[in-house]
All heavy atoms as atom14 arrays in JSON, in Angstrom:
{
  "sequence": "AGDVILLGGPYGAGKTALARAFLRAATGDPMLVVPSPSF",
  "atom14_mask": [
    [1, 1, 1, 1, 1, 0, 0, 0, 0, 0, 0, 0, 0, 0],
    [1, 1, 1, 1, 0, 0, 0, 0, 0, 0, 0, 0, 0, 0],
    [1, 1, 1, 1, 1, 1, 1, 1, 0, 0, 0, 0, 0, 0],
    [1, 1, 1, 1, 1, 1, 1, 0, 0, 0, 0, 0, 0, 0],
    [1, 1, 1, 1, 1, 1, 1, 1, 0, 0, 0, 0, 0, 0],
    [1, 1, 1, 1, 1, 1, 1, 1, 0, 0, 0, 0, 0, 0],
    [1, 1, 1, 1, 1, 1, 1, 1, 0, 0, 0, 0, 0, 0],
    [1, 1, 1, 1, 0, 0, 0, 0, 0, 0, 0, 0, 0, 0],
    [1, 1, 1, 1, 0, 0, 0, 0, 0, 0, 0, 0, 0, 0],
    [1, 1, 1, 1, 1, 1, 1, 0, 0, 0, 0, 0, 0, 0],
    [1, 1, 1, 1, 1, 1, 1, 1, 1, 1, 1, 1, 0, 0],
    [1, 1, 1, 1, 0, 0, 0, 0, 0, 0, 0, 0, 0, 0],
    [1, 1, 1, 1, 1, 0, 0, 0, 0, 0, 0, 0, 0, 0],
    [1, 1, 1, 1, 0, 0, 0, 0, 0, 0, 0, 0, 0, 0],
    [1, 1, 1, 1, 1, 1, 1, 1, 1, 0, 0, 0, 0, 0],
    [1, 1, 1, 1, 1, 1, 1, 0, 0, 0, 0, 0, 0, 0],
    [1, 1, 1, 1, 1, 0, 0, 0, 0, 0, 0, 0, 0, 0],
    [1, 1, 1, 1, 1, 1, 1, 1, 0, 0, 0, 0, 0, 0],
    [1, 1, 1, 1, 1, 0, 0, 0, 0, 0, 0, 0, 0, 0],
    [1, 1, 1, 1, 1, 1, 1, 1, 1, 1, 1, 0, 0, 0],
    [1, 1, 1, 1, 1, 0, 0, 0, 0, 0, 0, 0, 0, 0],
    [1, 1, 1, 1, 1, 1, 1, 1, 1, 1, 1, 0, 0, 0],
    [1, 1, 1, 1, 1, 1, 1, 1, 0, 0, 0, 0, 0, 0],
    [1, 1, 1, 1, 1, 1, 1, 1, 1, 1, 1, 0, 0, 0],
    [1, 1, 1, 1, 1, 0, 0, 0, 0, 0, 0, 0, 0, 0],
    [1, 1, 1, 1, 1, 0, 0, 0, 0, 0, 0, 0, 0, 0],
    [1, 1, 1, 1, 1, 1, 1, 0, 0, 0, 0, 0, 0, 0],
    [1, 1, 1, 1, 0, 0, 0, 0, 0, 0, 0, 0, 0, 0],
    [1, 1, 1, 1, 1, 1, 1, 1, 0, 0, 0, 0, 0, 0],
    [1, 1, 1, 1, 1, 1, 1, 0, 0, 0, 0, 0, 0, 0],
    [1, 1, 1, 1, 1, 1, 1, 1, 0, 0, 0, 0, 0, 0],
    [1, 1, 1, 1, 1, 1, 1, 1, 0, 0, 0, 0, 0, 0],
    [1, 1, 1, 1, 1, 1, 1, 0, 0, 0, 0, 0, 0, 0],
    [1, 1, 1, 1, 1, 1, 1, 0, 0, 0, 0, 0, 0, 0],
    [1, 1, 1, 1, 1, 1, 1, 0, 0, 0, 0, 0, 0, 0],
    [1, 1, 1, 1, 1, 1, 0, 0, 0, 0, 0, 0, 0, 0],
    [1, 1, 1, 1, 1, 1, 1, 0, 0, 0, 0, 0, 0, 0],
    [1, 1, 1, 1, 1, 1, 0, 0, 0, 0, 0, 0, 0, 0],
    [1, 1, 1, 1, 1, 1, 1, 1, 1, 1, 1, 0, 0, 0]
  ],
  "atom14_positions": [
    [[15.2, 4.79, -2.11], [15.79, 4.18, -0.86], [15.94, 5.22, 0.2], [16.27, 6.36, 0.05], [17.15, 3.69, -1.11], [0.0, 0.0, 0.0], [0.0, 0.0, 0.0], [0.0, 0.0, 0.0], [0.0, 0.0, 0.0], [0.0, 0.0, 0.0], [0.0, 0.0, 0.0], [0.0, 0.0, 0.0], [0.0, 0.0, 0.0], [0.0, 0.0, 0.0]],
    [[15.42, 4.68, 1.36], [15.36, 5.66, 2.49], [14.05, 6.35, 2.77], [13.93, 7.09, 3.72], [0.0, 0.0, 0.0], [0.0, 0.0, 0.0], [0.0, 0.0, 0.0], [0.0, 0.0, 0.0], [0.0, 0.0, 0.0], [0.0, 0.0, 0.0], [0.0, 0.0, 0.0], [0.0, 0.0, 0.0], [0.0, 0.0, 0.0], [0.0, 0.0, 0.0]],
    [[13.25, 6.37, 1.84], [11.94, 7.07, 2.04], [10.95, 6.33, 3.0], [10.85, 5.15, 2.91], [11.16, 7.08, 0.67], [11.69, 8.26, -0.26], [12.49, 9.22, 0.31], [11.5, 8.4, -1.49], [0.0, 0.0, 0.0], [0.0, 0.0, 0.0], [0.0, 0.0, 0.0], [0.0, 0.0, 0.0], [0.0, 0.0, 0.0], [0.0, 0.0, 0.0]],
    [[10.18, 7.33, 3.66], [9.17, 6.7, 4.49], [7.88, 7.37, 4.08], [7.89, 8.66, 3.94], [9.37, 6.95, 6.0], [8.15, 6.56, 6.83], [10.67, 6.2, 6.44], [0.0, 0.0, 0.0], [0.0, 0.0, 0.0], [0.0, 0.0, 0.0], [0.0, 0.0, 0.0], [0.0, 0.0, 0.0], [0.0, 0.0, 0.0], [0.0, 0.0, 0.0]],
    [[6.82, 6.69, 3.74], [5.44, 7.3, 3.5], [4.46, 6.98, 4.52], [4.22, 5.94, 4.79], [5.04, 6.77, 2.03], [6.09, 7.03, 0.96], [3.79, 7.28, 1.65], [6.01, 6.42, -0.41], [0.0, 0.0, 0.0], [0.0, 0.0, 0.0], [0.0, 0.0, 0.0], [0.0, 0.0, 0.0], [0.0, 0.0, 0.0], [0.0, 0.0, 0.0]],
    [[3.95, 7.99, 5.12], [3.09, 7.92, 6.2], [1.65, 8.05, 5.77], [1.36, 9.06, 5.15], [3.35, 9.04, 7.27], [4.84, 9.18, 7.69], [4.99, 10.6, 8.48], [5.21, 8.08, 8.49], [0.0, 0.0, 0.0], [0.0, 0.0, 0.0], [0.0, 0.0, 0.0], [0.0, 0.0, 0.0], [0.0, 0.0, 0.0], [0.0, 0.0, 0.0]],
    [[0.92, 6.97, 5.84], [-0.45, 6.84, 5.42], [-1.47, 7.07, 6.49], [-1.59, 6.12, 7.29], [-0.69, 5.52, 4.63], [0.21, 5.23, 3.42], [0.11, 3.77, 3.05], [0.01, 6.23, 2.42], [0.0, 0.0, 0.0], [0.0, 0.0, 0.0], [0.0, 0.0, 0.0], [0.0, 0.0, 0.0], [0.0, 0.0, 0.0], [0.0, 0.0, 0.0]],
    [[-2.0, 8.3, 6.61], [-3.01, 8.67, 7.73], [-4.31, 8.78, 7.11], [-4.62, 8.75, 5.96], [0.0, 0.0, 0.0], [0.0, 0.0, 0.0], [0.0, 0.0, 0.0], [0.0, 0.0, 0.0], [0.0, 0.0, 0.0], [0.0, 0.0, 0.0], [0.0, 0.0, 0.0], [0.0, 0.0, 0.0], [0.0, 0.0, 0.0], [0.0, 0.0, 0.0]],
    [[-5.15, 8.68, 8.08], [-6.63, 8.74, 7.94], [-7.35, 7.81, 8.69], [-6.73, 6.87, 9.32], [0.0, 0.0, 0.0], [0.0, 0.0, 0.0], [0.0, 0.0, 0.0], [0.0, 0.0, 0.0], [0.0, 0.0, 0.0], [0.0, 0.0, 0.0], [0.0, 0.0, 0.0], [0.0, 0.0, 0.0], [0.0, 0.0, 0.0], [0.0, 0.0, 0.0]],
    [[-8.75, 7.97, 8.75], [-9.54, 7.06, 9.67], [-9.66, 5.75, 9.03], [-9.23, 5.32, 7.81], [-10.94, 7.63, 9.65], [-10.94, 8.46, 8.38], [-9.46, 8.94, 8.13], [0.0, 0.0, 0.0], [0.0, 0.0, 0.0], [0.0, 0.0, 0.0], [0.0, 0.0, 0.0], [0.0, 0.0, 0.0], [0.0, 0.0, 0.0], [0.0, 0.0, 0.0]],
    [[-10.13, 4.64, 9.69], [-10.38, 3.43, 9.22], [-11.29, 3.43, 7.92], [-12.15, 4.14, 7.9], [-11.15, 2.47, 10.32], [-11.29, 1.06, 9.86], [-10.38, 0.18, 9.83], [-12.73, 0.85, 9.44], [-10.68, -1.08, 9.45], [-12.93, -0.6, 9.01], [-11.95, -1.51, 9.11], [-12.27, -2.81, 8.65], [0.0, 0.0, 0.0], [0.0, 0.0, 0.0]],
    [[-10.93, 2.68, 6.91], [-11.66, 2.72, 5.72], [-11.49, 3.87, 4.81], [-12.17, 4.07, 3.75], [0.0, 0.0, 0.0], [0.0, 0.0, 0.0], [0.0, 0.0, 0.0], [0.0, 0.0, 0.0], [0.0, 0.0, 0.0], [0.0, 0.0, 0.0], [0.0, 0.0, 0.0], [0.0, 0.0, 0.0], [0.0, 0.0, 0.0], [0.0, 0.0, 0.0]],
    [[-10.32, 4.72, 5.04], [-10.14, 5.83, 4.21], [-9.43, 5.59, 2.9], [-9.47, 6.4, 1.98], [-9.24, 6.83, 4.94], [0.0, 0.0, 0.0], [0.0, 0.0, 0.0], [0.0, 0.0, 0.0], [0.0, 0.0, 0.0], [0.0, 0.0, 0.0], [0.0, 0.0, 0.0], [0.0, 0.0, 0.0], [0.0, 0.0, 0.0], [0.0, 0.0, 0.0]],
    [[-8.77, 4.29, 2.65], [-8.19, 3.85, 1.62], [-6.71, 3.78, 1.74], [-5.96, 3.71, 0.65], [0.0, 0.0, 0.0], [0.0, 0.0, 0.0], [0.0, 0.0, 0.0], [0.0, 0.0, 0.0], [0.0, 0.0, 0.0], [0.0, 0.0, 0.0], [0.0, 0.0, 0.0], [0.0, 0.0, 0.0], [0.0, 0.0, 0.0], [0.0, 0.0, 0.0]],
    [[-6.23, 3.64, 2.95], [-4.77, 3.73, 3.14], [-4.18, 2.33, 2.54], [-3.14, 2.4, 1.74], [-4.33, 3.68, 4.58], [-4.8, 5.03, 5.33], [-4.44, 4.93, 6.83], [-5.42, 3.95, 7.66], [-6.75, 4.22, 7.74], [0.0, 0.0, 0.0], [0.0, 0.0, 0.0], [0.0, 0.0, 0.0], [0.0, 0.0, 0.0], [0.0, 0.0, 0.0]],
    [[-4.84, 1.21, 2.76], [-4.31, -0.04, 2.24], [-4.46, -0.12, 0.71], [-3.57, -0.58, -0.1], [-5.02, -1.24, 2.9], [-4.8, -1.22, 4.23], [-4.42, -2.55, 2.3], [0.0, 0.0, 0.0], [0.0, 0.0, 0.0], [0.0, 0.0, 0.0], [0.0, 0.0, 0.0], [0.0, 0.0, 0.0], [0.0, 0.0, 0.0], [0.0, 0.0, 0.0]],
    [[-5.45, 0.52, 0.19], [-5.66, 0.53, -1.28], [-4.59, 1.41, -1.85], [-4.02, 0.98, -2.95], [-6.95, 1.1, -1.65], [0.0, 0.0, 0.0], [0.0, 0.0, 0.0], [0.0, 0.0, 0.0], [0.0, 0.0, 0.0], [0.0, 0.0, 0.0], [0.0, 0.0, 0.0], [0.0, 0.0, 0.0], [0.0, 0.0, 0.0], [0.0, 0.0, 0.0]],
    [[-4.19, 2.51, -1.12], [-3.17, 3.29, -1.97], [-1.75, 2.53, -1.7], [-1.01, 2.4, -2.62], [-3.1, 4.67, -1.17], [-1.97, 5.56, -1.57], [-2.33, 6.06, -2.92], [-1.9, 6.79, -0.68], [0.0, 0.0, 0.0], [0.0, 0.0, 0.0], [0.0, 0.0, 0.0], [0.0, 0.0, 0.0], [0.0, 0.0, 0.0], [0.0, 0.0, 0.0]],
    [[-1.55, 1.8, -0.54], [-0.29, 1.17, -0.37], [-0.2, -0.1, -1.41], [0.77, -0.26, -2.06], [-0.26, 0.48, 1.01], [0.0, 0.0, 0.0], [0.0, 0.0, 0.0], [0.0, 0.0, 0.0], [0.0, 0.0, 0.0], [0.0, 0.0, 0.0], [0.0, 0.0, 0.0], [0.0, 0.0, 0.0], [0.0, 0.0, 0.0], [0.0, 0.0, 0.0]],
    [[-1.38, -0.74, -1.66], [-1.46, -1.86, -2.65], [-1.08, -1.29, -3.96], [-0.38, -1.95, -4.74], [-2.82, -2.41, -2.61], [-3.05, -3.61, -3.52], [-4.46, -4.31, -3.31], [-4.49, -4.9, -2.07], [-5.48, -4.45, -1.07], [-6.39, -3.62, -1.34], [-5.43, -4.97, 0.15], [0.0, 0.0, 0.0], [0.0, 0.0, 0.0], [0.0, 0.0, 0.0]],
    [[-1.61, -0.03, -4.42], [-1.32, 0.35, -5.78], [0.1, 0.8, -5.76], [0.75, 0.64, -6.88], [-2.16, 1.62, -6.06], [0.0, 0.0, 0.0], [0.0, 0.0, 0.0], [0.0, 0.0, 0.0], [0.0, 0.0, 0.0], [0.0, 0.0, 0.0], [0.0, 0.0, 0.0], [0.0, 0.0, 0.0], [0.0, 0.0, 0.0], [0.0, 0.0, 0.0]],
    [[0.64, 1.4, -4.77], [2.06, 1.78, -4.73], [2.92, 0.55, -4.96], [3.84, 0.49, -5.86], [2.42, 2.39, -3.37], [3.77, 2.82, -3.17], [4.22, 4.07, -3.44], [4.83, 1.83, -2.88], [5.6, 4.39, -3.31], [6.16, 2.19, -2.62], [6.45, 3.48, -2.88], [0.0, 0.0, 0.0], [0.0, 0.0, 0.0], [0.0, 0.0, 0.0]],
    [[2.67, -0.6, -4.21], [3.54, -1.75, -4.31], [3.31, -2.4, -5.62], [4.38, -3.01, -6.05], [3.14, -2.75, -3.16], [3.48, -2.1, -1.73], [2.79, -2.85, -0.63], [5.0, -2.19, -1.52], [0.0, 0.0, 0.0], [0.0, 0.0, 0.0], [0.0, 0.0, 0.0], [0.0, 0.0, 0.0], [0.0, 0.0, 0.0], [0.0, 0.0, 0.0]],
    [[2.21, -2.49, -6.06], [2.01, -3.14, -7.54], [2.86, -2.37, -8.56], [3.55, -2.97, -9.37], [0.53, -3.12, -7.87], [-0.19, -4.26, -7.19], [-1.61, -4.41, -7.5], [-2.23, -5.37, -6.78], [-3.58, -5.56, -6.6], [-4.32, -4.64, -7.05], [-3.92, -6.67, -5.92], [0.0, 0.0, 0.0], [0.0, 0.0, 0.0], [0.0, 0.0, 0.0]],
    [[2.79, -0.89, -8.44], [3.61, -0.22, -9.43], [5.07, -0.32, -9.19], [5.82, -0.43, -10.06], [3.16, 1.29, -9.31], [0.0, 0.0, 0.0], [0.0, 0.0, 0.0], [0.0, 0.0, 0.0], [0.0, 0.0, 0.0], [0.0, 0.0, 0.0], [0.0, 0.0, 0.0], [0.0, 0.0, 0.0], [0.0, 0.0, 0.0], [0.0, 0.0, 0.0]],
    [[5.42, -0.24, -7.86], [6.9, -0.41, -7.52], [7.67, -1.75, -7.88], [8.76, -1.77, -8.28], [7.15, -0.11, -6.1], [0.0, 0.0, 0.0], [0.0, 0.0, 0.0], [0.0, 0.0, 0.0], [0.0, 0.0, 0.0], [0.0, 0.0, 0.0], [0.0, 0.0, 0.0], [0.0, 0.0, 0.0], [0.0, 0.0, 0.0], [0.0, 0.0, 0.0]],
    [[6.77, -2.86, -7.82], [7.32, -4.04, -8.14], [7.24, -4.35, -9.68], [7.86, -5.3, -10.24], [6.59, -5.22, -7.33], [5.25, -5.2, -7.78], [6.79, -5.13, -5.9], [0.0, 0.0, 0.0], [0.0, 0.0, 0.0], [0.0, 0.0, 0.0], [0.0, 0.0, 0.0], [0.0, 0.0, 0.0], [0.0, 0.0, 0.0], [0.0, 0.0, 0.0]],
    [[6.44, -3.57, -10.31], [6.17, -3.86, -11.75], [5.11, -5.07, -12.08], [5.09, -5.59, -13.08], [0.0, 0.0, 0.0], [0.0, 0.0, 0.0], [0.0, 0.0, 0.0], [0.0, 0.0, 0.0], [0.0, 0.0, 0.0], [0.0, 0.0, 0.0], [0.0, 0.0, 0.0], [0.0, 0.0, 0.0], [0.0, 0.0, 0.0], [0.0, 0.0, 0.0]],
    [[4.45, -5.45, -10.89], [3.62, -6.51, -10.92], [2.03, -6.19, -10.74], [1.8, -6.08, -9.54], [3.97, -7.64, -9.98], [3.02, -8.88, -10.05], [2.04, -8.93, -10.69], [3.55, -9.84, -9.36], [0.0, 0.0, 0.0], [0.0, 0.0, 0.0], [0.0, 0.0, 0.0], [0.0, 0.0, 0.0], [0.0, 0.0, 0.0], [0.0, 0.0, 0.0]],
    [[1.28, -5.88, -11.7], [-0.06, -5.29, -11.44], [-1.06, -6.36, -10.75], [-2.17, -5.98, -10.37], [-0.5, -5.03, -12.84], [0.24, -5.73, -13.79], [1.62, -6.05, -13.13], [0.0, 0.0, 0.0], [0.0, 0.0, 0.0], [0.0, 0.0, 0.0], [0.0, 0.0, 0.0], [0.0, 0.0, 0.0], [0.0, 0.0, 0.0], [0.0, 0.0, 0.0]],
    [[-0.56, -7.65, -10.81], [-1.29, -8.72, -10.09], [-0.84, -9.1, -8.78], [-1.38, -9.99, -8.19], [-1.59, -9.76, -11.08], [-2.09, -9.48, -12.42], [-3.66, -8.73, -12.31], [-4.77, -10.0, -11.66], [0.0, 0.0, 0.0], [0.0, 0.0, 0.0], [0.0, 0.0, 0.0], [0.0, 0.0, 0.0], [0.0, 0.0, 0.0], [0.0, 0.0, 0.0]],
    [[0.12, -8.28, -8.26], [0.71, -8.67, -7.01], [-0.26, -8.75, -5.9], [-1.0, -7.81, -5.7], [1.84, -7.58, -6.64], [2.54, -7.82, -5.35], [3.47, -9.0, -5.38], [3.3, -6.51, -4.97], [0.0, 0.0, 0.0], [0.0, 0.0, 0.0], [0.0, 0.0, 0.0], [0.0, 0.0, 0.0], [0.0, 0.0, 0.0], [0.0, 0.0, 0.0]],
    [[-0.23, -9.81, -5.14], [-1.15, -9.95, -4.01], [-0.63, -9.11, -2.83], [0.53, -9.36, -2.39], [-1.28, -11.45, -3.56], [-2.18, -11.6, -2.35], [-1.9, -12.2, -4.72], [0.0, 0.0, 0.0], [0.0, 0.0, 0.0], [0.0, 0.0, 0.0], [0.0, 0.0, 0.0], [0.0, 0.0, 0.0], [0.0, 0.0, 0.0], [0.0, 0.0, 0.0]],
    [[-1.42, -8.18, -2.39], [-0.79, -7.29, -1.28], [-1.95, -7.31, -0.17], [-2.86, -6.49, -0.11], [-0.67, -5.8, -1.73], [-0.22, -4.96, -0.67], [0.24, -5.83, -3.06], [0.0, 0.0, 0.0], [0.0, 0.0, 0.0], [0.0, 0.0, 0.0], [0.0, 0.0, 0.0], [0.0, 0.0, 0.0], [0.0, 0.0, 0.0], [0.0, 0.0, 0.0]],
    [[-1.77, -8.28, 0.74], [-2.74, -8.29, 1.9], [-2.45, -7.23, 2.85], [-1.41, -6.61, 2.93], [-2.48, -9.67, 2.45], [-1.07, -9.94, 2.15], [-0.8, -9.27, 0.93], [0.0, 0.0, 0.0], [0.0, 0.0, 0.0], [0.0, 0.0, 0.0], [0.0, 0.0, 0.0], [0.0, 0.0, 0.0], [0.0, 0.0, 0.0], [0.0, 0.0, 0.0]],
    [[-3.45, -6.77, 3.56], [-3.37, -5.75, 4.64], [-2.53, -6.45, 5.7], [-2.63, -7.59, 6.09], [-4.78, -5.44, 5.18], [-4.55, -4.63, 6.42], [0.0, 0.0, 0.0], [0.0, 0.0, 0.0], [0.0, 0.0, 0.0], [0.0, 0.0, 0.0], [0.0, 0.0, 0.0], [0.0, 0.0, 0.0], [0.0, 0.0, 0.0], [0.0, 0.0, 0.0]],
    [[-1.49, -5.7, 6.25], [-0.71, -6.27, 7.3], [-1.2, -6.1, 8.7], [-0.62, -5.94, 9.65], [0.69, -5.47, 7.02], [0.28, -4.21, 6.48], [-0.85, -4.49, 5.68], [0.0, 0.0, 0.0], [0.0, 0.0, 0.0], [0.0, 0.0, 0.0], [0.0, 0.0, 0.0], [0.0, 0.0, 0.0], [0.0, 0.0, 0.0], [0.0, 0.0, 0.0]],
    [[-2.68, -5.94, 8.77], [-3.27, -5.72, 9.92], [-2.89, -6.68, 11.14], [-2.75, -6.34, 12.3], [-4.87, -5.66, 9.86], [-5.15, -4.7, 9.02], [0.0, 0.0, 0.0], [0.0, 0.0, 0.0], [0.0, 0.0, 0.0], [0.0, 0.0, 0.0], [0.0, 0.0, 0.0], [0.0, 0.0, 0.0], [0.0, 0.0, 0.0], [0.0, 0.0, 0.0]],
    [[-2.81, -7.87, 10.78], [-2.39, -9.05, 11.71], [-0.87, -9.29, 11.75], [-0.37, -9.6, 12.85], [-3.33, -10.24, 11.53], [-4.69, -9.97, 11.78], [-5.56, -9.79, 10.62], [-5.27, -9.9, 13.07], [-6.92, -9.54, 10.85], [-6.52, -9.47, 13.25], [-7.45, -9.39, 12.11], [0.0, 0.0, 0.0], [0.0, 0.0, 0.0], [0.0, 0.0, 0.0]]
  ]
}
């Protein structure tokens, strides 16, 4: 709790893929749908 993880890098570097893996692991749901929050 209280952590902030800053995901930097150019477009297509894998920021969303890393966030998706983090969230699936953190929720304990390997099939969790994690869309990009671009919009």
